Amino acid sequence: MDIKEKTAALLKRYDTGSTFSYLPVLPKAAVLIPLFVRKGELQVLMTLRSTKLRTNAGEVCFPGGKRDPGDRDDIDTALREAEEEIGLPVDMVEVICRLFPIINKHGLLVTPVVGFIEESFCPRPNPDEVSAVFTVPLDFFTCGKDHAAYSPPGMAGPLHGFHFTDPDSGNRYHIWGLTAIMAIVVAVLGLRKRPEFDIPFDSDDPLSFFQHSLNRRISKL
């Protein structure tokens, strides 16, 4: 079994399916976490949001956005947004799973969709939405060297952040907040590797933590 097959098999164990169907109707969004293999190493593709955008301008994120009325589900949303933002054709994505949804700071229920793409994919970023596309080794999100944790007032747990320097461009990116925790989750579960820093969830039973956190947030809405 090669690294792609092994990682896909591990991540599929955590597919949420209809686990969260009990939730009340909330505004929804989804992001695509695109993985690929380069020289035997798992990579994840990320984007830098355009400074022209009204929300989260200039921040690192995964391709994604709000659900449209025509979207059948979170997978539809994630794939449509990825095609619009970076020119990733829907039929070039092998969807693996949907992971634990998280309510973001704007009150959107954001579901991460993990999929594999080909190494040969060449992004065509929409300049109105994306100012850069870059890749990060997945195991970077288990390393402590460029990691920091913040504890903002009023938050139940810490915010994670990473500083990554792209070896191709020399650009330095700050990856933090919701994007960082999603990347950590995929790295920990997909690589079966304990990070070099404390994480709030049990890697053997991550669902319990995210379900509890989600229920707590919903009770305050």
Protein backbone atom coordinates (compact mmCIF):
# COMPACT_ATOMS: atom_id res chain seq x y z
CA MET A 1 0.00 0.00 0.00
CA ASP A 2 1.54 3.35 -1.04
CA ILE A 3 1.38 6.55 1.00
CA LYS A 4 -1.69 7.88 -0.81
CA GLU A 5 -3.68 4.68 -0.29
CA LYS A 6 -2.59 4.43 3.34
CA THR A 7 -3.51 8.04 4.11
CA ALA A 8 -6.85 7.79 2.32
CA ALA A 9 -7.73 4.62 4.24
CA LEU A 10 -6.86 6.29 7.56
CA LEU A 11 -8.85 9.45 6.84
CA LYS A 12 -11.90 7.57 5.61
CA ARG A 13 -12.30 6.16 9.12
CA TYR A 14 -13.21 9.65 10.30
CA ASP A 15 -15.72 10.56 7.59
CA THR A 16 -18.57 12.25 9.44
CA GLY A 17 -21.34 11.14 7.07
CA SER A 18 -24.68 12.04 8.71
CA THR A 19 -23.17 12.37 12.22
CA PHE A 20 -24.10 16.04 12.47
CA SER A 21 -27.52 15.85 10.81
CA TYR A 22 -29.11 16.65 14.19
CA LEU A 23 -27.72 20.19 14.15
CA PRO A 24 -30.12 23.12 13.78
CA VAL A 25 -30.16 24.95 10.47
CA LEU A 26 -27.08 27.15 10.34
CA PRO A 27 -25.41 29.14 7.55
CA LYS A 28 -23.00 26.68 5.94
CA ALA A 29 -19.64 26.80 4.23
CA ALA A 30 -17.09 24.21 3.16
CA VAL A 31 -13.41 24.13 2.27
CA LEU A 32 -11.40 21.69 0.21
CA ILE A 33 -8.16 20.38 1.73
CA PRO A 34 -6.26 19.24 -1.40
CA LEU A 35 -3.56 16.63 -0.79
CA PHE A 36 -1.06 15.22 -3.25
CA VAL A 37 2.16 13.21 -3.20
CA ARG A 38 5.48 14.68 -4.30
CA LYS A 39 8.66 12.57 -4.12
CA GLY A 40 6.99 10.20 -1.71
CA GLU A 41 5.90 12.97 0.66
CA LEU A 42 2.36 14.21 1.32
CA GLN A 43 1.79 17.86 0.47
CA VAL A 44 -1.22 20.10 1.06
CA LEU A 45 -2.19 22.99 -1.21
CA MET A 46 -3.13 26.31 0.40
CA THR A 47 -4.09 29.78 -0.79
CA LEU A 48 -3.58 33.39 0.27
CA ARG A 49 -6.80 35.37 0.10
CA SER A 50 -6.82 38.55 -1.95
CA THR A 51 -6.58 41.84 -0.08
CA LYS A 52 -9.61 42.96 -2.14
CA LEU A 53 -11.97 40.70 -0.20
CA ARG A 54 -14.26 42.05 2.52
CA THR A 55 -13.63 39.24 5.00
CA ASN A 56 -10.36 37.59 6.03
CA ALA A 57 -8.46 39.61 3.42
CA GLY A 58 -4.82 38.61 3.07
CA GLU A 59 -5.17 35.50 5.22
CA VAL A 60 -4.04 31.96 4.42
CA CYS A 61 -6.88 29.51 3.92
CA PHE A 62 -8.02 26.49 1.97
CA PRO A 63 -10.14 26.96 -1.16
CA GLY A 64 -13.76 27.27 -0.12
CA GLY A 65 -16.68 29.47 0.76
CA LYS A 66 -20.37 29.71 1.55
CA ARG A 67 -22.87 27.18 0.29
CA ASP A 68 -24.87 28.25 -2.77
CA PRO A 69 -28.56 27.33 -3.19
CA GLY A 70 -27.58 25.03 -6.07
CA ASP A 71 -25.08 23.02 -4.01
CA ARG A 72 -26.35 19.59 -3.00
CA ASP A 73 -24.02 19.23 -0.03
CA ASP A 74 -20.70 20.28 1.50
CA ILE A 75 -18.71 18.35 -1.10
CA ASP A 76 -20.45 20.27 -3.90
CA THR A 77 -19.65 23.55 -2.16
CA ALA A 78 -15.97 22.73 -1.62
CA LEU A 79 -15.42 21.51 -5.19
CA ARG A 80 -17.28 24.41 -6.79
CA GLU A 81 -15.36 26.97 -4.76
CA ALA A 82 -12.02 25.31 -5.54
CA GLU A 83 -12.79 25.45 -9.26
CA GLU A 84 -13.81 29.11 -9.03
CA GLU A 85 -10.85 30.17 -6.91
CA ILE A 86 -7.88 28.20 -8.30
CA GLY A 87 -9.18 26.58 -11.50
CA LEU A 88 -9.22 23.04 -10.05
CA PRO A 89 -11.56 20.92 -12.22
CA VAL A 90 -14.10 18.93 -10.22
CA ASP A 91 -13.17 15.69 -11.99
CA MET A 92 -9.52 16.08 -10.90
CA VAL A 93 -10.41 15.65 -7.22
CA GLU A 94 -10.71 12.25 -5.55
CA VAL A 95 -12.85 13.07 -2.52
CA ILE A 96 -11.80 11.06 0.55
CA CYS A 97 -13.95 12.30 3.42
CA ARG A 98 -15.71 15.10 5.24
CA LEU A 99 -14.24 15.89 8.62
CA PHE A 100 -15.58 17.59 11.72
CA PRO A 101 -17.40 20.89 11.08
CA ILE A 102 -16.39 23.96 13.08
CA ILE A 103 -18.30 27.22 13.62
CA ASN A 104 -16.05 30.09 12.54
CA LYS A 105 -15.89 33.62 13.92
CA HIS A 106 -18.60 34.75 11.48
CA GLY A 107 -21.07 32.09 12.66
CA LEU A 108 -20.69 29.84 9.61
CA LEU A 109 -20.65 26.07 10.04
CA VAL A 110 -17.52 25.19 8.07
CA THR A 111 -17.00 21.59 6.93
CA PRO A 112 -13.55 20.49 5.71
CA VAL A 113 -13.62 18.15 2.70
CA VAL A 114 -10.40 16.22 2.10
CA GLY A 115 -9.47 15.14 -1.41
CA PHE A 116 -6.46 13.99 -3.41
CA ILE A 117 -5.35 15.82 -6.54
CA GLU A 118 -2.58 15.12 -9.05
CA GLU A 119 0.89 16.56 -8.49
CA SER A 120 0.75 17.89 -12.05
CA PHE A 121 -2.16 20.25 -11.28
CA CYS A 122 -1.23 23.82 -12.18
CA PRO A 123 -3.34 26.38 -10.25
CA ARG A 124 -4.96 29.26 -12.10
CA PRO A 125 -5.88 31.60 -9.22
CA ASN A 126 -8.77 34.03 -9.64
CA PRO A 127 -7.07 37.37 -8.82
CA ASP A 128 -10.26 38.77 -7.30
CA GLU A 129 -10.19 36.06 -4.65
CA VAL A 130 -6.69 34.58 -4.44
CA SER A 131 -3.33 36.33 -4.48
CA ALA A 132 -1.09 33.24 -4.09
CA VAL A 133 -1.20 29.44 -4.14
CA PHE A 134 1.50 27.40 -2.40
CA THR A 135 2.10 23.93 -0.98
CA VAL A 136 3.20 22.80 2.45
CA PRO A 137 4.47 19.36 3.53
CA LEU A 138 1.65 17.84 5.57
CA ASP A 139 3.94 16.79 8.41
CA PHE A 140 4.91 20.47 8.86
CA PHE A 141 1.70 20.71 10.87
CA THR A 142 3.03 18.27 13.45
CA CYS A 143 6.35 20.07 14.03
CA GLY A 144 6.97 22.43 16.92
CA LYS A 145 9.78 24.47 15.37
CA ASP A 146 7.60 27.02 13.55
CA HIS A 147 4.49 26.57 15.72
CA ALA A 148 3.02 28.87 18.35
CA ALA A 149 -0.16 28.77 20.41
CA TYR A 150 -2.10 31.83 21.48
CA SER A 151 -4.76 32.18 24.20
CA PRO A 152 -7.05 35.09 23.28
CA PRO A 153 -9.32 36.37 26.07
CA GLY A 154 -12.74 34.71 26.13
CA MET A 155 -11.71 31.68 24.09
CA ALA A 156 -12.12 28.18 25.54
CA GLY A 157 -8.87 26.94 24.03
CA PRO A 158 -5.70 28.17 22.33
CA LEU A 159 -5.39 29.31 18.73
CA HIS A 160 -2.64 27.55 16.82
CA GLY A 161 -0.37 29.30 14.35
CA PHE A 162 2.54 28.43 12.06
CA HIS A 163 5.07 30.48 10.12
CA PHE A 164 5.96 28.79 6.84
CA THR A 165 8.55 29.92 4.32
CA ASP A 166 7.85 28.70 0.81
CA PRO A 167 11.15 27.34 -0.56
CA ASP A 168 10.09 28.07 -4.15
CA SER A 169 9.19 31.75 -3.77
CA GLY A 170 10.83 32.67 -0.48
CA ASN A 171 7.49 34.10 0.67
CA ARG A 172 6.65 33.72 4.35
CA TYR A 173 3.10 32.84 5.36
CA HIS A 174 1.30 32.95 8.69
CA ILE A 175 -1.12 30.01 8.90
CA TRP A 176 -3.36 30.31 11.93
CA GLY A 177 -6.80 29.91 13.46
CA LEU A 178 -9.38 27.70 11.78
CA THR A 179 -7.09 26.89 8.84
CA ALA A 180 -4.29 25.80 11.19
CA ILE A 181 -6.47 23.49 13.30
CA MET A 182 -7.91 21.87 10.17
CA ALA A 183 -4.40 21.26 8.84
CA ILE A 184 -3.34 19.82 12.20
CA VAL A 185 -6.33 17.46 12.25
CA VAL A 186 -5.59 16.13 8.74
CA ALA A 187 -1.88 15.72 9.54
CA VAL A 188 -2.45 13.95 12.86
CA LEU A 189 -5.16 11.61 11.55
CA GLY A 190 -3.73 11.04 8.08
CA LEU A 191 -0.13 10.48 9.17
CA ARG A 192 -0.93 8.83 12.53
CA LYS A 193 1.71 11.09 14.02
CA ARG A 194 1.60 12.84 17.37
CA PRO A 195 2.53 16.52 17.06
CA GLU A 196 5.40 18.07 18.97
CA PHE A 197 2.95 20.39 20.76
CA ASP A 198 -0.24 19.96 22.75
CA ILE A 199 -3.49 19.54 20.85
CA PRO A 200 -6.99 19.77 22.34
CA PHE A 201 -8.33 16.54 20.85
CA ASP A 202 -7.60 12.85 21.36
CA SER A 203 -6.16 11.48 18.12
CA ASP A 204 -7.83 8.13 18.84
CA ASP A 205 -11.25 9.73 19.42
CA PRO A 206 -11.29 13.19 17.83
CA LEU A 207 -15.05 13.16 17.27
CA SER A 208 -15.82 13.58 20.98
CA PHE A 209 -13.87 16.83 21.25
CA PHE A 210 -15.26 18.41 18.09
CA GLN A 211 -18.82 17.35 18.85
CA HIS A 212 -18.58 18.78 22.37
CA SER A 213 -17.06 22.03 21.08
CA LEU A 214 -19.72 22.37 18.42
CA ASN A 215 -22.57 21.76 20.84
CA ARG A 216 -21.11 24.32 23.24
CA ARG A 217 -20.88 26.96 20.53
CA ILE A 218 -24.42 26.27 19.30
CA SER A 219 -25.81 26.63 22.82
CA LYS A 220 -24.44 30.19 22.88
CA LEU A 221 -25.90 31.24 19.53
